[in-house]
Amino acid sequence: MTPQQRGVRSRRLTVVAAALVASAALACGPGFAAGAGVTRVADPPAPTPAVPAPPATAQTPAPQAPVPLAPAPQTPVPLAPEPPAPQNPAPQPPAPVTPAPVPPAVTPAPGTPAPSTPASSTPAPAPPQRPAFGAYLDYGPLGVARMAQLSTWLGGAELRVGHTYLPGDRWSNIEGRPGFLDVWAHWRREKADRMLVLNVPMMERNEDGVSDAEVRRLLRRGADGEFDQHFKALAERLVELNVPDTVLVLGWEMNGITYTHRCGPDPEAWKTYWNRIVTAMRSVPGQAFKFDFAPSRGRDAVPWTQCYPGDDTVDIVGMDSYDQPSGLTFEEQVKEPYGLQAHVDFAEKHGKAISYPEWGLFRNGDNATYMRGMLGWMDAHKPLYNTLTDYCPHGVWQCRQNPQASEVYRAVLSGRPAVPTLLPSPPAPSAQPATPQPVTPQPVGQPVPQPSPSAAPARCSPLNLGDWVEYWLGGKLCVRLDWYSRRH
């Protein structure tokens, strides 16, 4: 079509459109014209976020102030301004205009908000999550790598808690030796809802069988501030790694007899020492640590309540709860003095969250009843986090000697139909209980290297270079026995 033809046709359309608009205005009678004699055929709908506006049956002005999420200011302001009506509206094409009678629009009085569809609907609340959980899988980089594998085994369930331990052999390691925590810090920073849990010994030579008399002297030295600088150095290290919100399980299982940082030889000095450590670490700019007071379940060597250092320096009241001693049912573990129920009651009284940094099978073998009961207990009482100790004899994924408990754990945490209950209906198996292996489990506080699943090459002799050398090398070195014959 040539430009001249388009101009003639445009003028004709303008004349026809103007005539039709005038006819429609006369047919509608008074009330259709808005303002000072300006006839509006149709205004664009008021902008509404996310929700399409319903078609207007009358030209009602858009609401001046949508319902705000926060208290509205004195002068209502719409979410988005309505496009203003043109002062000289251009003639509209005739096709979309039907000259039919239109009901008169109702013009609201000034200042009266017109009814309208809400600007946006409130998003549905997210489904409730199970308490954050994880597992202790290894103290080094393998522990991080195995979390993804365990998640796959659990059908994609997300492990939101990473758990590792500082070695308690010497102060330089308790300070967070450079390179040791880097991979854990990187994992933590990848997602905002993750949690890094770090067990921190309060003494060096923490598993050296130090006498009560020596422990007493060490606790008093700590209470006098002699070791403050080591914990301040650790705090600075964690802030430098950009993990200032780490959960610190300080001096765990202090009510027992295993560790040099035990409380029993001098509870008052122990509490003073704990408070000094927390004060020193909180003095570091940028920190946001949470301190977890985590005794072992039951009375042990001393009632754990005697070691509680006070609400000001404790953020979480945890508990390490293994399936022991032999023959004690889960119900009895709940009700015993200083047991699971006492733990929950104590934390509630002091206004603290609870946790289970260590738990798992032990003296009663492959005990599916304990596993079902413990998972149900945590589901009911919602700890801030829990981490299963996953090596033999405690574990369910890296330890194949617990197939029944493993199936319960996997079914519950991978979303299978199995539902955890506090007191399971099936009675304990009547068959002879599994006899625990005569192996004393390694205390979790000192990193315990896991055996490599791959077999050594044939005619190869592995060299024992020690845990730390093998950690930095990435595994054991192996010397072939046939090296001499291969050269001749």
Protein backbone atom coordinates (compact mmCIF):
# COMPACT_ATOMS: atom_id res chain seq x y z
CA MET A 1 0.00 0.00 0.00
CA THR A 2 1.37 3.43 -1.00
CA PRO A 3 1.74 6.31 1.50
CA GLN A 4 -1.00 8.30 -0.26
CA GLN A 5 -3.52 5.45 0.06
CA ARG A 6 -2.69 5.03 3.75
CA GLY A 7 -3.31 8.76 4.34
CA VAL A 8 -6.75 8.78 2.67
CA ARG A 9 -7.83 5.67 4.51
CA SER A 10 -6.60 7.04 7.82
CA ARG A 11 -8.67 10.20 7.41
CA ARG A 12 -11.77 8.16 6.62
CA LEU A 13 -11.27 5.99 9.68
CA THR A 14 -10.86 9.07 11.83
CA VAL A 15 -14.19 10.52 10.69
CA VAL A 16 -16.02 7.20 11.18
CA ALA A 17 -14.47 6.67 14.62
CA ALA A 18 -15.43 10.14 15.75
CA ALA A 19 -19.02 9.62 14.68
CA LEU A 20 -19.28 6.31 16.45
CA VAL A 21 -17.80 7.72 19.65
CA ALA A 22 -20.28 10.58 19.65
CA SER A 23 -23.20 8.17 19.10
CA ALA A 24 -22.05 6.01 21.99
CA ALA A 25 -21.78 8.99 24.33
CA LEU A 26 -25.32 10.18 23.49
CA ALA A 27 -26.77 6.69 23.91
CA CYS A 28 -25.21 6.24 27.32
CA GLY A 29 -26.80 9.29 28.83
CA PRO A 30 -25.34 11.28 31.72
CA GLY A 31 -22.72 9.74 33.94
CA PHE A 32 -20.41 8.22 31.36
CA ALA A 33 -18.41 11.35 30.85
CA ALA A 34 -15.73 11.76 33.48
CA GLY A 35 -14.15 15.03 34.48
CA ALA A 36 -14.66 18.21 32.53
CA GLY A 37 -16.43 16.86 29.48
CA VAL A 38 -13.72 14.29 28.59
CA THR A 39 -15.20 11.06 27.27
CA ARG A 40 -13.16 7.93 28.33
CA VAL A 41 -13.70 4.81 26.34
CA ALA A 42 -11.63 2.53 28.55
CA ASP A 43 -8.78 3.11 31.03
CA PRO A 44 -5.95 0.57 31.36
CA PRO A 45 -6.41 -1.61 34.44
CA ALA A 46 -4.55 -0.68 37.60
CA PRO A 47 -1.20 -2.55 37.83
CA THR A 48 -1.38 -5.47 40.27
CA PRO A 49 1.80 -7.47 41.07
CA ALA A 50 1.64 -11.16 40.16
CA VAL A 51 -2.17 -11.37 40.18
CA PRO A 52 -3.99 -10.47 36.92
CA ALA A 53 -6.64 -7.82 37.48
CA PRO A 54 -10.26 -8.93 36.78
CA PRO A 55 -12.01 -7.28 33.80
CA ALA A 56 -13.71 -4.05 34.87
CA THR A 57 -17.47 -3.83 34.46
CA ALA A 58 -17.41 -0.09 35.12
CA GLN A 59 -14.74 2.55 35.00
CA THR A 60 -13.98 2.63 38.73
CA PRO A 61 -10.80 4.46 39.72
CA ALA A 62 -7.97 2.20 40.84
CA PRO A 63 -7.38 2.10 44.62
CA GLN A 64 -4.98 4.74 45.76
CA ALA A 65 -3.32 2.61 48.47
CA PRO A 66 -2.96 -1.20 48.35
CA VAL A 67 -2.87 -3.08 51.64
CA PRO A 68 0.76 -2.73 52.81
CA LEU A 69 2.88 -5.41 54.44
CA ALA A 70 4.16 -2.80 56.87
CA PRO A 71 2.11 0.04 58.51
CA ALA A 72 1.01 2.44 55.78
CA PRO A 73 2.28 6.04 55.81
CA GLN A 74 -0.07 8.94 56.36
CA THR A 75 -0.39 9.60 52.63
CA PRO A 76 -1.32 6.38 50.83
CA VAL A 77 0.92 5.60 47.90
CA PRO A 78 -0.09 2.99 45.29
CA LEU A 79 2.27 0.16 44.39
CA ALA A 80 2.51 1.59 40.89
CA PRO A 81 0.95 4.83 39.58
CA GLU A 82 -2.05 4.52 37.30
CA PRO A 83 -1.33 5.93 33.88
CA PRO A 84 -3.01 9.39 33.73
CA ALA A 85 -6.00 9.94 31.47
CA PRO A 86 -4.90 11.76 28.35
CA GLN A 87 -6.08 15.37 28.06
CA ASN A 88 -6.80 15.03 24.36
CA PRO A 89 -7.52 11.37 23.74
CA ALA A 90 -6.88 10.23 20.24
CA PRO A 91 -9.81 8.75 18.32
CA GLN A 92 -10.02 5.02 18.78
CA PRO A 93 -10.35 2.51 15.92
CA PRO A 94 -13.94 1.41 15.41
CA ALA A 95 -13.35 -2.33 15.62
CA PRO A 96 -13.20 -2.77 19.42
CA VAL A 97 -16.02 -0.25 20.14
CA THR A 98 -19.60 -1.52 20.21
CA PRO A 99 -22.17 1.27 20.43
CA ALA A 100 -24.35 -0.47 22.96
CA PRO A 101 -25.88 0.96 26.14
CA VAL A 102 -23.43 0.88 29.01
CA PRO A 103 -24.57 1.04 32.63
CA PRO A 104 -23.55 4.30 34.25
CA ALA A 105 -20.36 4.10 36.26
CA VAL A 106 -20.50 4.71 39.96
CA THR A 107 -18.05 7.38 40.96
CA PRO A 108 -17.03 7.05 44.62
CA ALA A 109 -16.93 10.04 46.86
CA PRO A 110 -13.51 11.62 47.30
CA GLY A 111 -11.45 9.90 49.98
CA THR A 112 -13.53 6.71 49.89
CA PRO A 113 -11.41 3.72 48.85
CA ALA A 114 -13.00 1.61 46.19
CA PRO A 115 -13.26 -2.15 46.69
CA SER A 116 -10.68 -4.03 44.74
CA THR A 117 -8.87 -7.29 44.47
CA PRO A 118 -5.85 -7.35 46.83
CA ALA A 119 -2.68 -6.33 45.13
CA SER A 120 -0.98 -9.63 45.89
CA SER A 121 -1.86 -12.80 47.67
CA THR A 122 0.11 -13.84 50.75
CA PRO A 123 2.52 -16.64 49.78
CA ALA A 124 1.72 -19.99 51.28
CA PRO A 125 3.96 -20.84 54.25
CA ALA A 126 6.79 -23.21 53.53
CA PRO A 127 6.20 -26.78 54.70
CA PRO A 128 7.74 -27.45 58.11
CA GLN A 129 11.21 -28.92 57.99
CA ARG A 130 12.59 -31.70 60.09
CA PRO A 131 15.26 -30.57 62.52
CA ALA A 132 18.59 -29.94 60.84
CA PHE A 133 20.68 -33.09 60.81
CA GLY A 134 23.99 -34.44 59.64
CA ALA A 135 26.55 -37.05 60.59
CA TYR A 136 30.15 -37.25 61.66
CA LEU A 137 31.76 -39.00 58.69
CA ASP A 138 35.42 -38.01 58.94
CA TYR A 139 37.33 -35.12 60.46
CA GLY A 140 39.02 -33.98 57.23
CA PRO A 141 38.09 -33.38 53.57
CA LEU A 142 36.68 -36.90 53.32
CA GLY A 143 34.01 -35.89 55.79
CA VAL A 144 32.80 -33.16 53.44
CA ALA A 145 32.91 -35.43 50.38
CA ARG A 146 31.00 -38.20 52.13
CA MET A 147 28.12 -35.89 53.03
CA ALA A 148 27.07 -35.81 49.39
CA GLN A 149 27.28 -39.60 49.22
CA LEU A 150 25.23 -40.04 52.37
CA SER A 151 22.64 -37.64 50.96
CA THR A 152 22.36 -39.80 47.85
CA TRP A 153 21.92 -42.91 50.02
CA LEU A 154 19.11 -41.10 51.81
CA GLY A 155 17.27 -40.40 48.58
CA GLY A 156 18.47 -36.82 48.24
CA ALA A 157 17.75 -35.70 51.81
CA GLU A 158 19.82 -32.61 52.54
CA LEU A 159 22.44 -32.77 55.26
CA ARG A 160 22.42 -29.22 56.58
CA VAL A 161 24.90 -29.86 59.41
CA GLY A 162 28.61 -30.47 58.95
CA HIS A 163 30.39 -31.81 62.02
CA THR A 164 34.10 -32.09 62.72
CA TYR A 165 36.56 -32.00 65.62
CA LEU A 166 39.74 -30.13 66.41
CA PRO A 167 42.54 -32.49 67.44
CA GLY A 168 43.29 -32.23 71.14
CA ASP A 169 46.91 -33.30 71.04
CA ARG A 170 48.57 -29.87 71.20
CA TRP A 171 47.58 -26.23 71.50
CA SER A 172 48.59 -25.39 67.93
CA ASN A 173 45.87 -27.72 66.64
CA ILE A 174 43.27 -26.44 69.10
CA GLU A 175 43.93 -22.96 67.70
CA GLY A 176 42.76 -24.20 64.29
CA ARG A 177 45.88 -25.11 62.36
CA PRO A 178 46.03 -23.33 58.97
CA GLY A 179 44.50 -25.50 56.25
CA PHE A 180 42.63 -27.82 58.58
CA LEU A 181 39.28 -26.02 58.61
CA ASP A 182 39.36 -24.49 55.12
CA VAL A 183 37.32 -27.18 53.37
CA TRP A 184 34.69 -27.12 56.12
CA ALA A 185 34.44 -23.35 55.94
CA HIS A 186 34.02 -23.52 52.17
CA TRP A 187 31.19 -26.06 52.54
CA ARG A 188 29.47 -23.88 55.14
CA ARG A 189 29.62 -20.76 52.97
CA GLU A 190 28.03 -22.45 49.96
CA LYS A 191 24.50 -22.24 51.43
CA ALA A 192 23.05 -19.81 53.93
CA ASP A 193 21.03 -22.41 55.87
CA ARG A 194 23.97 -24.70 56.58
CA MET A 195 25.48 -25.11 60.03
CA LEU A 196 29.06 -25.92 60.95
CA VAL A 197 29.49 -27.72 64.28
CA LEU A 198 33.01 -27.86 65.68
CA ASN A 199 34.04 -29.77 68.81
CA VAL A 200 36.73 -27.82 70.66
CA PRO A 201 38.90 -29.45 73.36
CA MET A 202 39.57 -27.31 76.41
CA MET A 203 42.98 -28.88 77.07
CA GLU A 204 45.89 -30.21 75.08
CA ARG A 205 46.87 -33.87 75.66
CA ASN A 206 43.13 -34.32 75.87
CA GLU A 207 43.15 -38.11 75.62
CA ASP A 208 46.43 -38.93 77.31
CA GLY A 209 45.01 -40.43 80.50
CA VAL A 210 46.03 -37.49 82.65
CA SER A 211 45.46 -38.04 86.39
CA ASP A 212 42.76 -36.25 88.36
CA ALA A 213 45.40 -34.34 90.32
CA GLU A 214 47.00 -33.03 87.12
CA VAL A 215 43.57 -32.21 85.63
CA ARG A 216 42.77 -30.22 88.76
CA ARG A 217 45.97 -28.18 88.40
CA LEU A 218 45.30 -27.57 84.69
CA LEU A 219 41.73 -26.44 85.31
CA ARG A 220 42.90 -23.93 87.89
CA ARG A 221 45.53 -22.59 85.51
CA GLY A 222 42.82 -22.21 82.89
CA ALA A 223 40.54 -20.47 85.36
CA ASP A 224 43.36 -17.98 85.99
CA GLY A 225 43.45 -17.11 82.26
CA GLU A 226 46.68 -18.88 81.32
CA PHE A 227 45.18 -20.45 78.16
CA ASP A 228 42.97 -17.60 76.94
CA GLN A 229 45.22 -16.73 73.99
CA HIS A 230 44.72 -20.14 72.36
CA PHE A 231 40.96 -19.72 72.17
CA LYS A 232 41.19 -16.14 71.03
CA ALA A 233 43.45 -17.35 68.21
CA LEU A 234 40.81 -19.95 67.26
CA ALA A 235 38.09 -17.31 67.22
CA GLU A 236 40.18 -15.08 64.96
CA ARG A 237 40.82 -18.01 62.66
CA LEU A 238 37.11 -18.79 62.29
CA VAL A 239 36.21 -15.16 61.64
CA GLU A 240 39.01 -14.98 59.05
CA LEU A 241 37.49 -18.03 57.31
CA ASN A 242 34.13 -16.22 57.25
CA VAL A 243 32.38 -18.77 59.46
CA PRO A 244 31.75 -16.57 62.52
CA ASP A 245 28.46 -18.33 63.35
CA THR A 246 30.04 -21.73 63.99
CA VAL A 247 28.48 -23.84 66.75
CA LEU A 248 31.28 -24.66 69.21
CA VAL A 249 30.84 -27.81 71.30
CA LEU A 250 33.30 -26.81 73.97
CA GLY A 251 34.66 -29.40 76.44
CA TRP A 252 32.11 -32.07 75.48
CA GLU A 253 31.27 -35.01 77.78
CA MET A 254 32.84 -33.18 80.68
CA ASN A 255 30.88 -35.32 83.17
CA GLY A 256 32.81 -38.46 82.21
CA ILE A 257 36.35 -39.68 82.78
CA THR A 258 37.75 -39.90 79.24
CA TYR A 259 39.08 -36.43 78.56
CA THR A 260 41.61 -34.14 80.20
CA HIS A 261 38.99 -31.39 79.99
CA ARG A 262 36.69 -33.29 82.36
CA CYS A 263 34.84 -31.46 85.09
CA GLY A 264 34.89 -33.95 87.97
CA PRO A 265 38.25 -33.13 89.60
CA ASP A 266 37.21 -29.48 90.21
CA PRO A 267 33.74 -28.41 88.99
CA GLU A 268 34.10 -24.82 90.18
CA ALA A 269 37.42 -24.30 88.41
CA TRP A 270 35.96 -25.97 85.31
CA LYS A 271 33.03 -23.56 85.17
CA THR A 272 35.28 -20.55 85.67
CA TYR A 273 37.56 -21.81 82.91
CA TRP A 274 34.62 -22.31 80.50
CA ASN A 275 33.47 -18.74 81.17
CA ARG A 276 36.95 -17.36 80.47
CA ILE A 277 37.12 -19.24 77.16
CA VAL A 278 33.73 -17.93 76.02
CA THR A 279 34.59 -14.40 77.09
CA ALA A 280 37.91 -14.52 75.21
CA MET A 281 36.28 -15.83 72.01
CA ARG A 282 33.40 -13.35 72.15
CA SER A 283 35.89 -10.49 72.41
CA VAL A 284 36.97 -11.04 68.79
CA PRO A 285 35.27 -8.54 66.43
CA GLY A 286 32.85 -10.08 63.96
CA GLN A 287 32.14 -13.27 65.91
CA ALA A 288 28.65 -14.71 66.27
CA PHE A 289 29.48 -18.08 67.84
CA LYS A 290 27.00 -20.34 69.58
CA PHE A 291 28.41 -22.29 72.53
CA ASP A 292 27.01 -25.77 73.09
CA PHE A 293 27.27 -27.33 76.56
CA ALA A 294 27.05 -31.06 75.77
CA PRO A 295 27.46 -33.67 78.55
CA SER A 296 26.96 -37.38 78.01
CA ARG A 297 23.56 -38.80 78.94
CA GLY A 298 23.12 -40.05 82.50
CA ARG A 299 25.06 -39.38 85.64
CA ASP A 300 28.44 -40.75 84.51
CA ALA A 301 31.29 -39.74 86.87
CA VAL A 302 29.55 -36.60 88.11
CA PRO A 303 26.05 -35.16 87.57
CA TRP A 304 26.35 -32.90 84.54
CA THR A 305 24.22 -30.23 86.18
CA GLN A 306 27.13 -29.59 88.58
CA CYS A 307 29.25 -28.52 85.61
CA TYR A 308 26.77 -26.09 84.04
CA PRO A 309 28.63 -22.77 83.82
CA GLY A 310 25.61 -20.44 83.67
CA ASP A 311 23.12 -19.06 81.18
CA ASP A 312 25.25 -16.08 80.17
CA THR A 313 27.90 -18.22 78.45
CA VAL A 314 25.75 -21.08 77.12
CA ASP A 315 23.60 -20.83 73.98
CA ILE A 316 22.64 -24.50 73.53
CA VAL A 317 22.27 -27.37 75.99
CA GLY A 318 23.30 -30.48 74.09
CA MET A 319 23.64 -34.14 74.99
CA ASP A 320 25.68 -37.05 73.63
CA SER A 321 23.36 -40.03 73.81
CA TYR A 322 24.60 -43.46 72.69
CA ASP A 323 22.70 -46.73 73.13
CA GLN A 324 24.34 -47.77 76.40
CA PRO A 325 24.79 -49.34 78.88
CA SER A 326 24.00 -52.89 77.83
CA GLY A 327 20.40 -53.87 78.50
CA LEU A 328 19.08 -50.33 79.08
CA THR A 329 15.98 -49.79 76.94
CA PHE A 330 15.27 -46.55 75.16
CA GLU A 331 12.37 -45.82 77.52
CA GLU A 332 14.79 -46.15 80.43
CA GLN A 333 17.24 -43.83 78.70
CA VAL A 334 14.45 -41.26 78.61
CA LYS A 335 13.50 -41.62 82.28
CA GLU A 336 16.84 -42.25 83.99
CA PRO A 337 18.35 -39.57 86.24
CA TYR A 338 20.09 -36.96 84.07
CA GLY A 339 18.65 -38.72 81.03
CA LEU A 340 16.85 -37.50 77.92
CA GLN A 341 13.79 -36.13 79.70
CA ALA A 342 15.89 -34.38 82.34
CA HIS A 343 17.94 -32.83 79.56
CA VAL A 344 14.88 -31.41 77.79
CA ASP A 345 13.41 -30.13 81.07
CA PHE A 346 16.68 -28.48 82.10
CA ALA A 347 17.05 -26.69 78.75
CA GLU A 348 13.45 -25.47 78.86
CA LYS A 349 13.90 -24.16 82.39
CA HIS A 350 16.96 -22.19 81.30
CA GLY A 351 15.45 -20.99 78.02
CA LYS A 352 17.95 -22.80 75.82
CA ALA A 353 17.73 -24.74 72.58
CA ILE A 354 18.74 -28.41 72.69
CA SER A 355 21.01 -30.47 70.45
CA TYR A 356 22.42 -33.99 70.03
CA PRO A 357 25.97 -33.55 68.71
CA GLU A 358 26.75 -37.28 69.12
CA TRP A 359 24.40 -40.23 69.15
CA GLY A 360 24.27 -43.75 67.76
CA LEU A 361 24.32 -47.45 68.46
CA PHE A 362 26.72 -49.01 70.96
CA ARG A 363 26.36 -51.60 73.69
CA ASN A 364 23.11 -53.19 72.48
CA GLY A 365 24.21 -54.02 68.97
CA ASP A 366 22.01 -53.56 65.92
CA ASN A 367 19.13 -52.08 67.90
CA ALA A 368 16.36 -50.90 65.57
CA THR A 369 14.16 -50.09 68.57
CA TYR A 370 16.69 -47.59 69.88
CA MET A 371 17.07 -46.07 66.42
CA ARG A 372 13.33 -45.69 65.98
CA GLY A 373 12.95 -44.27 69.47
CA MET A 374 15.78 -41.77 69.15
CA LEU A 375 14.58 -40.47 65.79
CA GLY A 376 11.07 -40.13 67.20
CA TRP A 377 12.36 -38.31 70.27
CA MET A 378 14.20 -35.76 68.16
CA ASP A 379 11.25 -35.34 65.82
CA ALA A 380 9.06 -34.56 68.82
CA HIS A 381 11.44 -32.24 70.70
CA LYS A 382 12.94 -30.38 67.72
CA PRO A 383 16.62 -29.94 68.62
CA LEU A 384 18.51 -27.19 66.87
CA TYR A 385 20.54 -29.95 65.19
CA ASN A 386 21.63 -33.57 65.56
CA THR A 387 24.58 -35.46 64.10
CA LEU A 388 24.86 -39.24 64.12
CA THR A 389 28.32 -40.71 64.76
CA ASP A 390 28.71 -42.81 61.65
CA TYR A 391 31.50 -45.32 62.17
CA CYS A 392 31.42 -48.75 63.79
CA PRO A 393 29.96 -49.68 66.16
CA HIS A 394 27.77 -46.55 66.23
CA GLY A 395 26.88 -45.90 62.61
CA VAL A 396 24.42 -46.97 59.95
CA TRP A 397 25.97 -46.04 56.59
CA GLN A 398 29.70 -46.64 56.94
CA CYS A 399 29.13 -49.53 59.36
CA ARG A 400 27.57 -52.65 57.81
CA GLN A 401 27.12 -54.53 61.07
CA ASN A 402 23.87 -52.66 61.85
CA PRO A 403 21.52 -53.49 58.93
CA GLN A 404 18.24 -53.28 60.89
CA ALA A 405 18.95 -49.93 62.50
CA SER A 406 20.34 -48.73 59.19
CA GLU A 407 17.05 -49.50 57.46
CA VAL A 408 15.10 -47.55 60.09
CA TYR A 409 17.39 -44.52 59.80
CA ARG A 410 17.24 -44.57 56.04
CA ALA A 411 13.47 -45.01 55.89
CA VAL A 412 12.74 -42.14 58.27
CA LEU A 413 15.18 -39.59 56.91
CA SER A 414 14.66 -40.35 53.22
CA GLY A 415 10.91 -39.78 53.50
CA ARG A 416 9.73 -43.37 53.31
CA PRO A 417 6.39 -44.23 54.98
CA ALA A 418 8.06 -45.27 58.23
CA VAL A 419 7.02 -42.82 60.95
CA PRO A 420 9.21 -42.31 64.03
CA THR A 421 7.51 -42.75 67.39
CA LEU A 422 8.76 -42.14 70.89
CA LEU A 423 7.73 -45.53 72.21
CA PRO A 424 7.69 -47.96 69.29
CA SER A 425 4.91 -50.53 69.26
CA PRO A 426 7.05 -53.51 68.24
CA PRO A 427 8.68 -55.04 71.31
CA ALA A 428 12.38 -55.55 71.48
CA PRO A 429 13.53 -58.70 69.63
CA SER A 430 13.31 -61.75 71.83
CA ALA A 431 16.22 -63.44 70.10
CA GLN A 432 19.56 -63.35 71.79
CA PRO A 433 20.93 -59.84 71.65
CA ALA A 434 23.83 -59.15 69.41
CA THR A 435 27.05 -59.37 71.34
CA PRO A 436 29.06 -56.21 70.85
CA GLN A 437 32.49 -56.70 69.41
CA PRO A 438 35.27 -56.51 71.99
CA VAL A 439 36.45 -53.25 70.51
CA THR A 440 36.57 -50.10 72.55
CA PRO A 441 35.27 -47.33 70.27
CA GLN A 442 37.71 -44.58 69.61
CA PRO A 443 36.62 -41.36 71.34
CA VAL A 444 35.29 -39.08 68.70
CA GLY A 445 37.19 -36.07 69.96
CA GLN A 446 40.50 -37.25 68.52
CA PRO A 447 40.19 -37.70 64.74
CA VAL A 448 40.03 -41.36 63.84
CA PRO A 449 41.10 -42.21 60.29
CA GLN A 450 38.66 -44.47 58.46
CA PRO A 451 39.99 -47.49 56.58
CA SER A 452 40.15 -46.98 52.85
CA PRO A 453 37.58 -49.05 50.95
CA SER A 454 40.03 -49.85 48.20
CA ALA A 455 42.33 -52.81 48.62
CA ALA A 456 46.09 -52.43 48.36
CA PRO A 457 47.66 -53.53 45.06
CA ALA A 458 48.94 -57.05 44.87
CA ARG A 459 52.44 -57.66 46.25
CA CYS A 460 52.41 -54.22 47.88
CA SER A 461 53.33 -53.34 51.45
CA PRO A 462 51.63 -50.19 52.87
CA LEU A 463 53.76 -47.85 54.97
CA ASN A 464 52.40 -46.57 58.25
CA LEU A 465 53.41 -42.90 58.29
CA GLY A 466 50.92 -41.71 60.86
CA ASP A 467 47.49 -40.11 60.58
CA TRP A 468 48.60 -36.55 59.86
CA VAL A 469 51.15 -37.42 57.15
CA GLU A 470 48.63 -39.68 55.43
CA TYR A 471 45.99 -36.93 55.69
CA TRP A 472 48.16 -34.43 53.82
CA LEU A 473 49.30 -37.08 51.29
CA GLY A 474 45.71 -38.13 50.66
CA GLY A 475 46.22 -41.77 51.68
CA LYS A 476 48.80 -44.43 52.50
CA LEU A 477 52.00 -44.95 50.56
CA CYS A 478 52.60 -48.46 49.28
CA VAL A 479 55.94 -50.07 48.37
CA ARG A 480 55.89 -52.89 45.82
CA LEU A 481 57.68 -56.02 46.94
CA ASP A 482 58.72 -56.98 43.41
CA TRP A 483 60.64 -53.78 42.62
CA TYR A 484 63.95 -55.66 42.47
CA SER A 485 62.73 -58.36 40.09
CA ARG A 486 61.13 -55.74 37.81
CA ARG A 487 64.57 -54.23 37.18
CA HIS A 488 66.20 -57.54 36.19
